[in-house]
N, C-alpha and C. Protein backbone atom coordinates (compact mmCIF):
# COMPACT_ATOMS: atom_id res chain seq x y z
N MET A 1 0.85 -1.18 0.00
CA MET A 1 0.00 0.00 0.00
C MET A 1 0.90 1.25 0.00
N THR A 2 0.59 2.18 -0.89
CA THR A 2 1.40 3.39 -0.97
C THR A 2 0.86 4.47 -0.05
N LYS A 3 1.77 5.27 0.46
CA LYS A 3 1.38 6.38 1.32
C LYS A 3 0.99 7.57 0.46
N LYS A 4 -0.10 8.24 0.86
CA LYS A 4 -0.49 9.47 0.17
C LYS A 4 0.17 10.63 0.89
N ARG A 5 0.84 11.48 0.12
CA ARG A 5 1.46 12.66 0.72
C ARG A 5 0.48 13.80 0.70
N LYS A 6 0.44 14.54 1.80
CA LYS A 6 -0.42 15.73 1.88
C LYS A 6 0.34 16.88 1.25
N ILE A 7 -0.36 17.62 0.42
CA ILE A 7 0.24 18.78 -0.23
C ILE A 7 -0.44 20.03 0.32
N ASP A 8 0.36 21.01 0.73
CA ASP A 8 -0.17 22.27 1.23
C ASP A 8 -0.47 23.16 0.03
N VAL A 9 -1.76 23.28 -0.31
CA VAL A 9 -2.15 24.06 -1.49
C VAL A 9 -1.79 25.53 -1.34
N LEU A 10 -1.67 26.03 -0.12
CA LEU A 10 -1.35 27.44 0.10
C LEU A 10 0.09 27.78 -0.31
N LEU A 11 0.94 26.77 -0.45
CA LEU A 11 2.33 27.00 -0.82
C LEU A 11 2.54 26.96 -2.33
N HIS A 12 1.52 26.58 -3.09
CA HIS A 12 1.67 26.49 -4.54
C HIS A 12 1.81 27.89 -5.13
N GLU A 13 2.69 28.04 -6.10
CA GLU A 13 2.99 29.35 -6.69
C GLU A 13 1.80 29.99 -7.40
N LEU A 14 0.84 29.21 -7.83
CA LEU A 14 -0.32 29.77 -8.54
C LEU A 14 -1.49 30.10 -7.62
N VAL A 15 -1.39 29.76 -6.35
CA VAL A 15 -2.47 30.04 -5.40
C VAL A 15 -2.15 31.36 -4.69
N PRO A 16 -3.03 32.37 -4.86
CA PRO A 16 -2.78 33.66 -4.18
C PRO A 16 -2.97 33.52 -2.66
N LYS A 17 -2.56 34.55 -1.93
CA LYS A 17 -2.72 34.54 -0.48
C LYS A 17 -4.20 34.60 -0.12
N HIS A 18 -4.59 33.80 0.86
CA HIS A 18 -5.96 33.77 1.36
C HIS A 18 -5.94 34.10 2.84
N HIS A 19 -6.86 34.95 3.28
CA HIS A 19 -6.93 35.36 4.68
C HIS A 19 -8.37 35.22 5.14
N LEU A 20 -8.58 34.43 6.18
CA LEU A 20 -9.91 34.24 6.75
C LEU A 20 -10.22 35.45 7.62
N LEU A 21 -11.29 36.19 7.29
CA LEU A 21 -11.64 37.38 8.05
C LEU A 21 -12.29 37.00 9.38
N THR A 22 -12.04 37.82 10.39
CA THR A 22 -12.72 37.64 11.67
C THR A 22 -14.16 38.13 11.50
N LYS A 23 -14.99 37.86 12.48
CA LYS A 23 -16.38 38.33 12.43
C LYS A 23 -16.42 39.86 12.36
N GLU A 24 -15.53 40.52 13.11
CA GLU A 24 -15.48 41.99 13.12
C GLU A 24 -15.04 42.53 11.75
N GLU A 25 -14.01 41.91 11.16
CA GLU A 25 -13.53 42.33 9.84
C GLU A 25 -14.62 42.12 8.79
N SER A 26 -15.33 41.00 8.90
CA SER A 26 -16.42 40.71 7.96
C SER A 26 -17.51 41.76 8.06
N GLN A 27 -17.89 42.11 9.29
CA GLN A 27 -18.94 43.11 9.50
C GLN A 27 -18.53 44.47 8.94
N LYS A 28 -17.29 44.86 9.16
CA LYS A 28 -16.79 46.14 8.63
C LYS A 28 -16.80 46.15 7.11
N LEU A 29 -16.42 45.04 6.50
CA LEU A 29 -16.42 44.93 5.04
C LEU A 29 -17.83 45.10 4.49
N LEU A 30 -18.79 44.39 5.08
CA LEU A 30 -20.18 44.46 4.62
C LEU A 30 -20.75 45.86 4.80
N GLU A 31 -20.42 46.50 5.92
CA GLU A 31 -20.90 47.86 6.16
C GLU A 31 -20.26 48.85 5.19
N LYS A 32 -18.96 48.69 4.93
CA LYS A 32 -18.24 49.59 4.04
C LYS A 32 -18.87 49.62 2.65
N PHE A 33 -19.20 48.44 2.12
CA PHE A 33 -19.75 48.35 0.78
C PHE A 33 -21.28 48.31 0.76
N LYS A 34 -21.89 48.35 1.96
CA LYS A 34 -23.35 48.32 2.08
C LYS A 34 -23.94 47.13 1.32
N ILE A 35 -23.41 45.95 1.65
CA ILE A 35 -23.85 44.72 1.01
C ILE A 35 -24.15 43.68 2.08
N SER A 36 -24.76 42.59 1.62
CA SER A 36 -25.01 41.43 2.47
C SER A 36 -23.99 40.36 2.09
N VAL A 37 -23.75 39.43 2.98
CA VAL A 37 -22.77 38.38 2.71
C VAL A 37 -23.13 37.59 1.45
N ILE A 38 -24.41 37.43 1.15
CA ILE A 38 -24.79 36.66 -0.04
C ILE A 38 -24.56 37.43 -1.34
N ASP A 39 -24.19 38.72 -1.25
CA ASP A 39 -23.86 39.49 -2.44
C ASP A 39 -22.44 39.20 -2.93
N LEU A 40 -21.64 38.55 -2.09
CA LEU A 40 -20.28 38.20 -2.47
C LEU A 40 -20.27 36.92 -3.31
N PRO A 41 -19.27 36.77 -4.18
CA PRO A 41 -19.13 35.49 -4.90
C PRO A 41 -18.94 34.36 -3.89
N GLN A 42 -19.31 33.16 -4.29
CA GLN A 42 -19.27 32.03 -3.37
C GLN A 42 -18.04 31.16 -3.59
N MET A 43 -17.64 30.50 -2.53
CA MET A 43 -16.57 29.50 -2.56
C MET A 43 -17.08 28.33 -1.74
N SER A 44 -16.95 27.14 -2.26
CA SER A 44 -17.42 25.96 -1.54
C SER A 44 -16.57 25.69 -0.31
N GLU A 45 -17.21 25.23 0.76
CA GLU A 45 -16.47 24.87 1.96
C GLU A 45 -15.59 23.64 1.71
N LYS A 46 -15.80 22.95 0.59
CA LYS A 46 -14.98 21.78 0.24
C LYS A 46 -13.82 22.16 -0.68
N ASP A 47 -13.71 23.45 -1.01
CA ASP A 47 -12.59 23.93 -1.83
C ASP A 47 -11.30 23.65 -1.03
N PRO A 48 -10.26 23.14 -1.69
CA PRO A 48 -9.02 22.82 -0.97
C PRO A 48 -8.44 24.01 -0.19
N VAL A 49 -8.55 25.22 -0.73
CA VAL A 49 -8.03 26.39 -0.02
C VAL A 49 -8.91 26.73 1.19
N ALA A 50 -10.23 26.61 1.04
CA ALA A 50 -11.14 26.85 2.17
C ALA A 50 -10.84 25.89 3.30
N ILE A 51 -10.58 24.65 2.97
CA ILE A 51 -10.23 23.65 3.98
C ILE A 51 -8.90 24.01 4.64
N ALA A 52 -7.92 24.43 3.83
CA ALA A 52 -6.58 24.75 4.34
C ALA A 52 -6.59 25.93 5.31
N VAL A 53 -7.46 26.93 5.07
CA VAL A 53 -7.50 28.10 5.97
C VAL A 53 -8.52 27.93 7.09
N GLY A 54 -9.26 26.83 7.07
CA GLY A 54 -10.22 26.54 8.14
C GLY A 54 -11.53 27.28 7.99
N ALA A 55 -11.91 27.64 6.77
CA ALA A 55 -13.15 28.38 6.53
C ALA A 55 -14.37 27.47 6.64
N LYS A 56 -15.40 27.99 7.27
CA LYS A 56 -16.68 27.28 7.43
C LYS A 56 -17.79 28.09 6.78
N GLU A 57 -18.95 27.48 6.63
CA GLU A 57 -20.09 28.15 6.01
C GLU A 57 -20.37 29.48 6.71
N GLY A 58 -20.52 30.53 5.92
CA GLY A 58 -20.81 31.86 6.44
C GLY A 58 -19.58 32.74 6.62
N ASP A 59 -18.39 32.14 6.57
CA ASP A 59 -17.16 32.92 6.70
C ASP A 59 -16.87 33.67 5.40
N ILE A 60 -16.03 34.70 5.53
CA ILE A 60 -15.59 35.46 4.36
C ILE A 60 -14.08 35.32 4.27
N VAL A 61 -13.60 35.03 3.07
CA VAL A 61 -12.17 34.87 2.82
C VAL A 61 -11.72 36.01 1.91
N LYS A 62 -10.63 36.67 2.31
CA LYS A 62 -10.02 37.72 1.50
C LYS A 62 -8.92 37.07 0.68
N ILE A 63 -8.94 37.32 -0.63
CA ILE A 63 -7.93 36.77 -1.53
C ILE A 63 -7.08 37.94 -2.01
N ILE A 64 -5.78 37.84 -1.80
CA ILE A 64 -4.86 38.93 -2.14
C ILE A 64 -3.99 38.47 -3.31
N ARG A 65 -4.19 39.11 -4.45
CA ARG A 65 -3.41 38.76 -5.64
C ARG A 65 -2.41 39.86 -5.94
N ASP A 66 -1.21 39.46 -6.32
CA ASP A 66 -0.24 40.42 -6.80
C ASP A 66 -0.74 40.96 -8.14
N SER A 67 -0.58 42.26 -8.34
CA SER A 67 -0.99 42.88 -9.59
C SER A 67 0.25 43.30 -10.36
N HIS A 68 0.23 43.08 -11.65
CA HIS A 68 1.36 43.46 -12.49
C HIS A 68 1.06 44.73 -13.26
N THR A 69 0.06 45.47 -12.80
CA THR A 69 -0.31 46.72 -13.48
C THR A 69 -0.02 47.91 -12.58
N THR A 70 -1.00 48.74 -12.32
CA THR A 70 -0.77 49.99 -11.61
C THR A 70 -0.81 49.89 -10.09
N VAL A 71 -1.42 48.85 -9.54
CA VAL A 71 -1.50 48.72 -8.09
C VAL A 71 -0.67 47.52 -7.65
N LYS A 72 -0.31 47.51 -6.38
CA LYS A 72 0.52 46.41 -5.87
C LYS A 72 -0.28 45.14 -5.62
N PHE A 73 -1.46 45.30 -5.01
CA PHE A 73 -2.29 44.14 -4.70
C PHE A 73 -3.74 44.41 -5.11
N VAL A 74 -4.44 43.35 -5.45
CA VAL A 74 -5.87 43.42 -5.72
C VAL A 74 -6.54 42.47 -4.75
N ASN A 75 -7.56 42.96 -4.03
CA ASN A 75 -8.27 42.13 -3.05
C ASN A 75 -9.60 41.65 -3.61
N TYR A 76 -9.89 40.39 -3.38
CA TYR A 76 -11.16 39.78 -3.74
C TYR A 76 -11.72 39.14 -2.48
N TYR A 77 -13.01 39.01 -2.41
CA TYR A 77 -13.64 38.39 -1.25
C TYR A 77 -14.56 37.27 -1.71
N ARG A 78 -14.62 36.21 -0.93
CA ARG A 78 -15.49 35.07 -1.23
C ARG A 78 -16.25 34.68 0.04
N TYR A 79 -17.51 34.36 -0.15
CA TYR A 79 -18.40 33.88 0.92
C TYR A 79 -18.37 32.36 0.87
N ILE A 80 -18.15 31.73 2.00
CA ILE A 80 -18.09 30.26 2.05
C ILE A 80 -19.50 29.70 2.17
N THR A 81 -19.81 28.76 1.29
CA THR A 81 -21.13 28.15 1.28
C THR A 81 -21.01 26.63 1.31
N LYS A 82 -22.05 25.98 1.80
CA LYS A 82 -22.08 24.51 1.83
C LYS A 82 -22.17 23.96 0.42
N GLU A 83 -21.58 22.81 0.24
CA GLU A 83 -21.63 22.10 -1.04
C GLU A 83 -23.06 21.61 -1.26
N LYS A 84 -23.60 21.89 -2.43
CA LYS A 84 -24.95 21.41 -2.74
C LYS A 84 -24.89 19.95 -3.16
N VAL A 85 -25.79 19.15 -2.64
CA VAL A 85 -25.80 17.71 -2.91
C VAL A 85 -26.62 17.42 -4.13
């Protein structure tokens, strides 16, 4: 029987930085943009990165991508949702 090696997806060069927001950070974000959590794009709780950062349903994840244009970083946000069966 062969051993399966665990791979840390967060260390892969093509995966941008992901930051799990606290409840306070999430509330400030929603208030700043005057939106509801369901207005954000969704990410499955079974996504390998969501699992790696410990995200659960209802959490918000900030994705920080390096930009090769006029700004240094571009931030994206994703709402964690349950996998539909």
